Amino acid sequence: MNNERIQQIARAAGFVTVLLVAIMLAGCVNTPPTAVHQPMTARPPLKTDYVLNSGAIFQPSGGARPLFEDRRARYVGDTLVINISERTQAAKKSASTADRTQDIEMGVPTIVGLPGKSLQGATVAANSANAFSGKGASSADNNFTGTITVTVIEVLPNGNLLVSGEKQVAINQGNEFIRFSGIVNSTQISGANTVQSTQVADARIEYRANGYIDEAQVMGWLARFFLTFMPL
């Protein structure tokens, strides 16, 4: 084997090694996908270099706040505290029964002048029974409480606020992601700049995590392959 061939094999092996290392590193720092409204945060618009002064307390600039205005969120980039208090309970129970019974009895009377006298006096009886019983029950109980601060990412034409935010908590060798987004009616924001999650429309709440503990609970791709394509 010549030196050029050996160098080609070495380069190929090095490329495969780098690729495997990149895949392993990507698997260590991967971020769980999300279904909340994007983006997670938004910066306020840049202020102009100069502001037209009308000579009064009122300022026509969109970024100005009135003198006696509270600090409730109302502009893009403002923050809002969401008190997450979600509790859902659901239960379903069903039962059905069906019974069917059928009896048939037939007798041969006296036969006169007709063939088949051998069947005279014979009796035939048949009965059938069919029963069905089915029961089913399901229940769910979910509880999610916490607090997260989100950012106004868009102000809708009717004054409602589209908010979105994320909180990341690193614990040992895993990260936990708490995400929230939804549409807030500005009139429901309290004086402390807070709102209950039950008052948020189109709310999307997520609690996800990554790390070796969560990876251990996920079926591998090879097992999913055999589970999908093998009928047994």
C-alpha atoms as a PDB file:
ATOM      1  CA  MET A   1       0.000   0.000   0.000  1.00  0.00           C
ATOM      2  CA  ASN A   2       1.538   3.305  -1.104  1.00  0.00           C
ATOM      3  CA  ASN A   3       1.870   6.383   1.075  1.00  0.00           C
ATOM      4  CA  GLU A   4      -0.862   8.301  -0.772  1.00  0.00           C
ATOM      5  CA  ARG A   5      -3.413   5.594  -0.038  1.00  0.00           C
ATOM      6  CA  ILE A   6      -2.383   5.574   3.644  1.00  0.00           C
ATOM      7  CA  GLN A   7      -2.804   9.342   3.827  1.00  0.00           C
ATOM      8  CA  GLN A   8      -6.299   9.115   2.291  1.00  0.00           C
ATOM      9  CA  ILE A   9      -7.331   6.504   4.854  1.00  0.00           C
ATOM     10  CA  ALA A  10      -5.919   8.632   7.676  1.00  0.00           C
ATOM     11  CA  ARG A  11      -7.796  11.720   6.470  1.00  0.00           C
ATOM     12  CA  ALA A  12     -11.029   9.743   6.196  1.00  0.00           C
ATOM     13  CA  ALA A  13     -10.562   8.344   9.701  1.00  0.00           C
ATOM     14  CA  GLY A  14      -9.855  11.816  11.041  1.00  0.00           C
ATOM     15  CA  PHE A  15     -12.989  13.183   9.384  1.00  0.00           C
ATOM     16  CA  VAL A  16     -15.106  10.414  10.884  1.00  0.00           C
ATOM     17  CA  THR A  17     -13.582  11.062  14.313  1.00  0.00           C
ATOM     18  CA  VAL A  18     -14.311  14.788  14.118  1.00  0.00           C
ATOM     19  CA  LEU A  19     -17.864  14.069  12.973  1.00  0.00           C
ATOM     20  CA  LEU A  20     -18.480  11.671  15.867  1.00  0.00           C
ATOM     21  CA  VAL A  21     -17.089  14.164  18.372  1.00  0.00           C
ATOM     22  CA  ALA A  22     -19.306  16.916  16.944  1.00  0.00           C
ATOM     23  CA  ILE A  23     -22.363  14.687  17.200  1.00  0.00           C
ATOM     24  CA  MET A  24     -21.517  13.790  20.801  1.00  0.00           C
ATOM     25  CA  LEU A  25     -21.011  17.434  21.742  1.00  0.00           C
ATOM     26  CA  ALA A  26     -24.235  18.426  20.019  1.00  0.00           C
ATOM     27  CA  GLY A  27     -26.056  15.750  21.978  1.00  0.00           C
ATOM     28  CA  CYS A  28     -24.673  17.128  25.238  1.00  0.00           C
ATOM     29  CA  VAL A  29     -25.811  20.712  24.674  1.00  0.00           C
ATOM     30  CA  ASN A  30     -28.967  20.173  22.713  1.00  0.00           C
ATOM     31  CA  THR A  31     -31.938  22.366  23.534  1.00  0.00           C
ATOM     32  CA  PRO A  32     -35.372  20.745  23.693  1.00  0.00           C
ATOM     33  CA  PRO A  33     -37.722  21.952  20.935  1.00  0.00           C
ATOM     34  CA  THR A  34     -40.487  24.346  21.838  1.00  0.00           C
ATOM     35  CA  ALA A  35     -44.013  25.168  20.721  1.00  0.00           C
ATOM     36  CA  VAL A  36     -44.338  28.541  22.436  1.00  0.00           C
ATOM     37  CA  HIS A  37     -44.623  31.798  20.527  1.00  0.00           C
ATOM     38  CA  GLN A  38     -41.284  32.968  19.195  1.00  0.00           C
ATOM     39  CA  PRO A  39     -39.024  34.739  19.938  1.00  0.00           C
ATOM     40  CA  MET A  40     -38.381  34.189  23.623  1.00  0.00           C
ATOM     41  CA  THR A  41     -37.623  37.864  24.219  1.00  0.00           C
ATOM     42  CA  ALA A  42     -37.597  41.186  22.388  1.00  0.00           C
ATOM     43  CA  ARG A  43     -35.605  44.359  22.840  1.00  0.00           C
ATOM     44  CA  PRO A  44     -37.379  47.707  22.979  1.00  0.00           C
ATOM     45  CA  PRO A  45     -37.086  49.880  19.860  1.00  0.00           C
ATOM     46  CA  LEU A  46     -34.186  52.276  19.731  1.00  0.00           C
ATOM     47  CA  LYS A  47     -34.893  55.786  20.867  1.00  0.00           C
ATOM     48  CA  THR A  48     -34.384  58.585  18.396  1.00  0.00           C
ATOM     49  CA  ASP A  49     -31.472  60.957  18.891  1.00  0.00           C
ATOM     50  CA  TYR A  50     -33.788  63.897  19.342  1.00  0.00           C
ATOM     51  CA  VAL A  51     -37.320  64.265  20.664  1.00  0.00           C
ATOM     52  CA  LEU A  52     -39.656  67.003  19.577  1.00  0.00           C
ATOM     53  CA  ASN A  53     -40.503  69.099  22.618  1.00  0.00           C
ATOM     54  CA  SER A  54     -44.012  70.493  22.434  1.00  0.00           C
ATOM     55  CA  GLY A  55     -43.445  72.664  25.487  1.00  0.00           C
ATOM     56  CA  ALA A  56     -45.897  70.744  27.727  1.00  0.00           C
ATOM     57  CA  ILE A  57     -45.933  67.721  30.011  1.00  0.00           C
ATOM     58  CA  PHE A  58     -47.391  65.528  27.272  1.00  0.00           C
ATOM     59  CA  GLN A  59     -44.766  64.219  24.870  1.00  0.00           C
ATOM     60  CA  PRO A  60     -45.834  62.777  21.514  1.00  0.00           C
ATOM     61  CA  SER A  61     -42.902  60.380  21.425  1.00  0.00           C
ATOM     62  CA  GLY A  62     -44.051  56.751  21.502  1.00  0.00           C
ATOM     63  CA  GLY A  63     -41.275  55.780  23.919  1.00  0.00           C
ATOM     64  CA  ALA A  64     -42.162  58.350  26.565  1.00  0.00           C
ATOM     65  CA  ARG A  65     -44.267  57.567  29.611  1.00  0.00           C
ATOM     66  CA  PRO A  66     -46.609  60.054  31.262  1.00  0.00           C
ATOM     67  CA  LEU A  67     -45.512  61.598  34.539  1.00  0.00           C
ATOM     68  CA  PHE A  68     -48.085  59.815  36.708  1.00  0.00           C
ATOM     69  CA  GLU A  69     -48.242  56.542  34.745  1.00  0.00           C
ATOM     70  CA  ASP A  70     -47.645  53.237  36.516  1.00  0.00           C
ATOM     71  CA  ARG A  71     -45.004  50.770  35.384  1.00  0.00           C
ATOM     72  CA  ARG A  72     -47.299  48.146  33.962  1.00  0.00           C
ATOM     73  CA  ALA A  73     -46.135  46.412  30.797  1.00  0.00           C
ATOM     74  CA  ARG A  74     -47.545  47.950  27.651  1.00  0.00           C
ATOM     75  CA  TYR A  75     -44.690  48.361  25.158  1.00  0.00           C
ATOM     76  CA  VAL A  76     -42.463  45.928  23.259  1.00  0.00           C
ATOM     77  CA  GLY A  77     -39.561  44.979  25.493  1.00  0.00           C
ATOM     78  CA  ASP A  78     -41.429  45.532  28.768  1.00  0.00           C
ATOM     79  CA  THR A  79     -41.367  42.683  31.277  1.00  0.00           C
ATOM     80  CA  LEU A  80     -44.366  41.071  32.932  1.00  0.00           C
ATOM     81  CA  VAL A  81     -44.535  38.598  35.822  1.00  0.00           C
ATOM     82  CA  ILE A  82     -46.713  35.521  35.220  1.00  0.00           C
ATOM     83  CA  ASN A  83     -48.006  33.611  38.222  1.00  0.00           C
ATOM     84  CA  ILE A  84     -48.397  30.079  36.908  1.00  0.00           C
ATOM     85  CA  SER A  85     -51.211  28.293  38.689  1.00  0.00           C
ATOM     86  CA  GLU A  86     -52.551  25.549  36.446  1.00  0.00           C
ATOM     87  CA  ARG A  87     -54.633  22.677  37.766  1.00  0.00           C
ATOM     88  CA  THR A  88     -56.529  20.357  35.469  1.00  0.00           C
ATOM     89  CA  GLN A  89     -58.566  17.341  36.446  1.00  0.00           C
ATOM     90  CA  ALA A  90     -60.486  15.083  34.134  1.00  0.00           C
ATOM     91  CA  ALA A  91     -62.169  11.735  34.640  1.00  0.00           C
ATOM     92  CA  LYS A  92     -64.112   9.493  32.324  1.00  0.00           C
ATOM     93  CA  LYS A  93     -65.881   6.217  33.003  1.00  0.00           C
ATOM     94  CA  SER A  94     -68.037   4.152  30.690  1.00  0.00           C
ATOM     95  CA  ALA A  95     -69.726   0.770  30.838  1.00  0.00           C
ATOM     96  CA  SER A  96     -71.938  -1.125  28.406  1.00  0.00           C
ATOM     97  CA  THR A  97     -73.620  -4.520  28.409  1.00  0.00           C
ATOM     98  CA  ALA A  98     -75.605  -6.457  25.836  1.00  0.00           C
ATOM     99  CA  ASP A  99     -77.418  -9.791  26.212  1.00  0.00           C
ATOM    100  CA  ARG A 100     -79.211 -11.829  23.614  1.00  0.00           C
ATOM    101  CA  THR A 101     -80.916 -15.211  24.041  1.00  0.00           C
ATOM    102  CA  GLN A 102     -82.751 -17.164  21.364  1.00  0.00           C
ATOM    103  CA  ASP A 103     -84.617 -20.527  21.593  1.00  0.00           C
ATOM    104  CA  ILE A 104     -85.967 -22.536  18.666  1.00  0.00           C
ATOM    105  CA  GLU A 105     -88.054 -25.735  18.993  1.00  0.00           C
ATOM    106  CA  MET A 106     -89.587 -27.674  16.137  1.00  0.00           C
ATOM    107  CA  GLY A 107     -91.600 -30.909  16.120  1.00  0.00           C
ATOM    108  CA  VAL A 108     -92.747 -33.163  13.249  1.00  0.00           C
ATOM    109  CA  PRO A 109     -96.525 -33.966  13.446  1.00  0.00           C
ATOM    110  CA  THR A 110     -98.236 -37.108  12.172  1.00  0.00           C
ATOM    111  CA  ILE A 111     -97.382 -37.742   8.514  1.00  0.00           C
ATOM    112  CA  VAL A 112    -100.138 -39.354   6.410  1.00  0.00           C
ATOM    113  CA  GLY A 113     -99.793 -40.208   2.762  1.00  0.00           C
ATOM    114  CA  LEU A 114     -96.479 -38.438   2.371  1.00  0.00           C
ATOM    115  CA  PRO A 115     -92.946 -39.722   2.231  1.00  0.00           C
ATOM    116  CA  GLY A 116     -90.725 -39.196   5.252  1.00  0.00           C
ATOM    117  CA  LYS A 117     -92.614 -41.274   7.804  1.00  0.00           C
ATOM    118  CA  SER A 118     -89.283 -42.054   9.424  1.00  0.00           C
ATOM    119  CA  LEU A 119     -89.242 -38.469  10.720  1.00  0.00           C
ATOM    120  CA  GLN A 120     -92.674 -38.795  12.288  1.00  0.00           C
ATOM    121  CA  GLY A 121     -92.569 -37.777  15.967  1.00  0.00           C
ATOM    122  CA  ALA A 122     -89.093 -36.261  15.736  1.00  0.00           C
ATOM    123  CA  THR A 123     -88.359 -33.123  17.744  1.00  0.00           C
ATOM    124  CA  VAL A 124     -85.624 -30.577  16.994  1.00  0.00           C
ATOM    125  CA  ALA A 125     -84.578 -27.922  19.535  1.00  0.00           C
ATOM    126  CA  ALA A 126     -81.870 -25.256  19.320  1.00  0.00           C
ATOM    127  CA  ASN A 127     -80.891 -22.359  21.486  1.00  0.00           C
ATOM    128  CA  SER A 128     -78.232 -19.677  21.354  1.00  0.00           C
ATOM    129  CA  ALA A 129     -76.988 -17.074  23.796  1.00  0.00           C
ATOM    130  CA  ASN A 130     -74.739 -14.064  23.266  1.00  0.00           C
ATOM    131  CA  ALA A 131     -73.475 -11.760  25.974  1.00  0.00           C
ATOM    132  CA  PHE A 132     -71.191  -8.718  25.799  1.00  0.00           C
ATOM    133  CA  SER A 133     -69.797  -6.608  28.612  1.00  0.00           C
ATOM    134  CA  GLY A 134     -67.360  -3.729  28.311  1.00  0.00           C
ATOM    135  CA  LYS A 135     -65.937  -1.245  30.796  1.00  0.00           C
ATOM    136  CA  GLY A 136     -63.510   1.643  30.488  1.00  0.00           C
ATOM    137  CA  ALA A 137     -62.122   4.353  32.739  1.00  0.00           C
ATOM    138  CA  SER A 138     -59.512   7.083  32.418  1.00  0.00           C
ATOM    139  CA  SER A 139     -58.407   9.956  34.611  1.00  0.00           C
ATOM    140  CA  ALA A 140     -55.851  12.775  34.537  1.00  0.00           C
ATOM    141  CA  ASP A 141     -54.631  15.116  37.255  1.00  0.00           C
ATOM    142  CA  ASN A 142     -52.049  17.786  36.440  1.00  0.00           C
ATOM    143  CA  ASN A 143     -50.685  20.515  38.693  1.00  0.00           C
ATOM    144  CA  PHE A 144     -48.183  23.187  37.633  1.00  0.00           C
ATOM    145  CA  THR A 145     -47.324  26.161  39.827  1.00  0.00           C
ATOM    146  CA  GLY A 146     -44.511  28.668  39.639  1.00  0.00           C
ATOM    147  CA  THR A 147     -43.496  32.165  38.599  1.00  0.00           C
ATOM    148  CA  ILE A 148     -41.803  33.338  35.407  1.00  0.00           C
ATOM    149  CA  THR A 149     -41.057  36.781  34.009  1.00  0.00           C
ATOM    150  CA  VAL A 150     -41.806  37.201  30.318  1.00  0.00           C
ATOM    151  CA  THR A 151     -41.217  39.936  27.766  1.00  0.00           C
ATOM    152  CA  VAL A 152     -43.695  41.716  25.549  1.00  0.00           C
ATOM    153  CA  ILE A 153     -42.704  40.753  22.007  1.00  0.00           C
ATOM    154  CA  GLU A 154     -45.640  42.341  20.169  1.00  0.00           C
ATOM    155  CA  VAL A 155     -48.447  44.802  20.846  1.00  0.00           C
ATOM    156  CA  LEU A 156     -51.586  43.817  18.958  1.00  0.00           C
ATOM    157  CA  PRO A 157     -53.827  46.444  17.306  1.00  0.00           C
ATOM    158  CA  ASN A 158     -56.497  46.052  20.013  1.00  0.00           C
ATOM    159  CA  GLY A 159     -53.997  46.673  22.809  1.00  0.00           C
ATOM    160  CA  ASN A 160     -53.457  43.072  23.861  1.00  0.00           C
ATOM    161  CA  LEU A 161     -49.891  41.988  24.532  1.00  0.00           C
ATOM    162  CA  LEU A 162     -48.186  38.954  23.063  1.00  0.00           C
ATOM    163  CA  VAL A 163     -45.696  37.821  25.689  1.00  0.00           C
ATOM    164  CA  SER A 164     -43.071  35.100  25.681  1.00  0.00           C
ATOM    165  CA  GLY A 165     -40.282  34.067  28.015  1.00  0.00           C
ATOM    166  CA  GLU A 166     -37.963  31.298  29.087  1.00  0.00           C
ATOM    167  CA  LYS A 167     -36.207  30.356  32.314  1.00  0.00           C
ATOM    168  CA  GLN A 168     -33.258  27.955  32.335  1.00  0.00           C
ATOM    169  CA  VAL A 169     -32.095  26.242  35.503  1.00  0.00           C
ATOM    170  CA  ALA A 170     -28.920  24.123  35.514  1.00  0.00           C
ATOM    171  CA  ILE A 171     -28.995  21.320  38.080  1.00  0.00           C
ATOM    172  CA  ASN A 172     -25.958  19.032  38.260  1.00  0.00           C
ATOM    173  CA  GLN A 173     -25.527  17.636  34.750  1.00  0.00           C
ATOM    174  CA  GLY A 174     -28.882  18.646  33.290  1.00  0.00           C
ATOM    175  CA  ASN A 175     -30.746  21.792  32.333  1.00  0.00           C
ATOM    176  CA  GLU A 176     -34.401  22.504  32.979  1.00  0.00           C
ATOM    177  CA  PHE A 177     -36.336  24.780  30.622  1.00  0.00           C
ATOM    178  CA  ILE A 178     -39.505  26.561  31.739  1.00  0.00           C
ATOM    179  CA  ARG A 179     -41.235  28.376  28.880  1.00  0.00           C
ATOM    180  CA  PHE A 180     -44.381  30.439  28.702  1.00  0.00           C
ATOM    181  CA  SER A 181     -46.169  32.453  26.039  1.00  0.00           C
ATOM    182  CA  GLY A 182     -49.644  33.791  25.429  1.00  0.00           C
ATOM    183  CA  ILE A 183     -51.816  36.842  24.879  1.00  0.00           C
ATOM    184  CA  VAL A 184     -52.449  39.127  27.848  1.00  0.00           C
ATOM    185  CA  ASN A 185     -55.257  41.648  28.150  1.00  0.00           C
ATOM    186  CA  SER A 186     -53.544  44.786  29.460  1.00  0.00           C
ATOM    187  CA  THR A 187     -56.570  45.634  31.634  1.00  0.00           C
ATOM    188  CA  GLN A 188     -56.039  42.441  33.662  1.00  0.00           C
ATOM    189  CA  ILE A 189     -52.486  43.331  34.690  1.00  0.00           C
ATOM    190  CA  SER A 190     -52.352  44.150  38.393  1.00  0.00           C
ATOM    191  CA  GLY A 191     -50.677  47.179  39.895  1.00  0.00           C
ATOM    192  CA  ALA A 192     -47.680  44.976  40.783  1.00  0.00           C
ATOM    193  CA  ASN A 193     -47.246  44.213  37.062  1.00  0.00           C
ATOM    194  CA  THR A 194     -48.396  40.610  37.468  1.00  0.00           C
ATOM    195  CA  VAL A 195     -51.078  38.482  35.871  1.00  0.00           C
ATOM    196  CA  GLN A 196     -52.406  34.993  36.547  1.00  0.00           C
ATOM    197  CA  SER A 197     -51.741  32.317  33.964  1.00  0.00           C
ATOM    198  CA  THR A 198     -55.441  31.445  33.969  1.00  0.00           C
ATOM    199  CA  GLN A 199     -56.132  34.925  32.545  1.00  0.00           C
ATOM    200  CA  VAL A 200     -53.766  34.471  29.602  1.00  0.00           C
ATOM    201  CA  ALA A 201     -55.298  33.539  26.263  1.00  0.00           C
ATOM    202  CA  ASP A 202     -53.667  31.008  23.956  1.00  0.00           C
ATOM    203  CA  ALA A 203     -51.306  30.110  26.809  1.00  0.00           C
ATOM    204  CA  ARG A 204     -48.504  27.694  26.043  1.00  0.00           C
ATOM    205  CA  ILE A 205     -46.652  26.350  29.062  1.00  0.00           C
ATOM    206  CA  GLU A 206     -43.716  23.992  28.830  1.00  0.00           C
ATOM    207  CA  TYR A 207     -41.469  22.256  31.325  1.00  0.00           C
ATOM    208  CA  ARG A 208     -38.679  20.365  29.609  1.00  0.00           C
ATOM    209  CA  ALA A 209     -35.227  19.158  30.514  1.00  0.00           C
ATOM    210  CA  ASN A 210     -32.154  17.603  28.997  1.00  0.00           C
ATOM    211  CA  GLY A 211     -29.346  15.490  30.395  1.00  0.00           C
ATOM    212  CA  TYR A 212     -28.487  11.853  30.837  1.00  0.00           C
ATOM    213  CA  ILE A 213     -31.501  11.230  33.110  1.00  0.00           C
ATOM    214  CA  ASP A 214     -33.929  12.410  30.432  1.00  0.00           C
ATOM    215  CA  GLU A 215     -31.998  10.636  27.688  1.00  0.00           C
ATOM    216  CA  ALA A 216     -32.324   7.368  29.623  1.00  0.00           C
ATOM    217  CA  GLN A 217     -36.107   7.708  29.425  1.00  0.00           C
ATOM    218  CA  VAL A 218     -36.130   8.084  25.632  1.00  0.00           C
ATOM    219  CA  MET A 219     -36.227   5.038  23.365  1.00  0.00           C
ATOM    220  CA  GLY A 220     -33.208   4.751  21.094  1.00  0.00           C
ATOM    221  CA  TRP A 221     -33.483   5.155  17.343  1.00  0.00           C
ATOM    222  CA  LEU A 222     -32.633   1.503  16.671  1.00  0.00           C
ATOM    223  CA  ALA A 223     -35.331   0.301  19.057  1.00  0.00           C
ATOM    224  CA  ARG A 224     -37.829   2.678  17.425  1.00  0.00           C
ATOM    225  CA  PHE A 225     -36.834   1.261  14.025  1.00  0.00           C
ATOM    226  CA  PHE A 226     -37.566  -2.335  15.030  1.00  0.00           C
ATOM    227  CA  LEU A 227     -40.719  -1.288  16.843  1.00  0.00           C
ATOM    228  CA  THR A 228     -42.001   0.468  13.713  1.00  0.00           C
ATOM    229  CA  PHE A 229     -41.113  -2.045  11.015  1.00  0.00           C
ATOM    230  CA  MET A 230     -41.395  -5.374  12.805  1.00  0.00           C
ATOM    231  CA  PRO A 231     -44.990  -6.518  13.411  1.00  0.00           C
ATOM    232  CA  LEU A 232     -44.044  -8.935  16.203  1.00  0.00           C
END
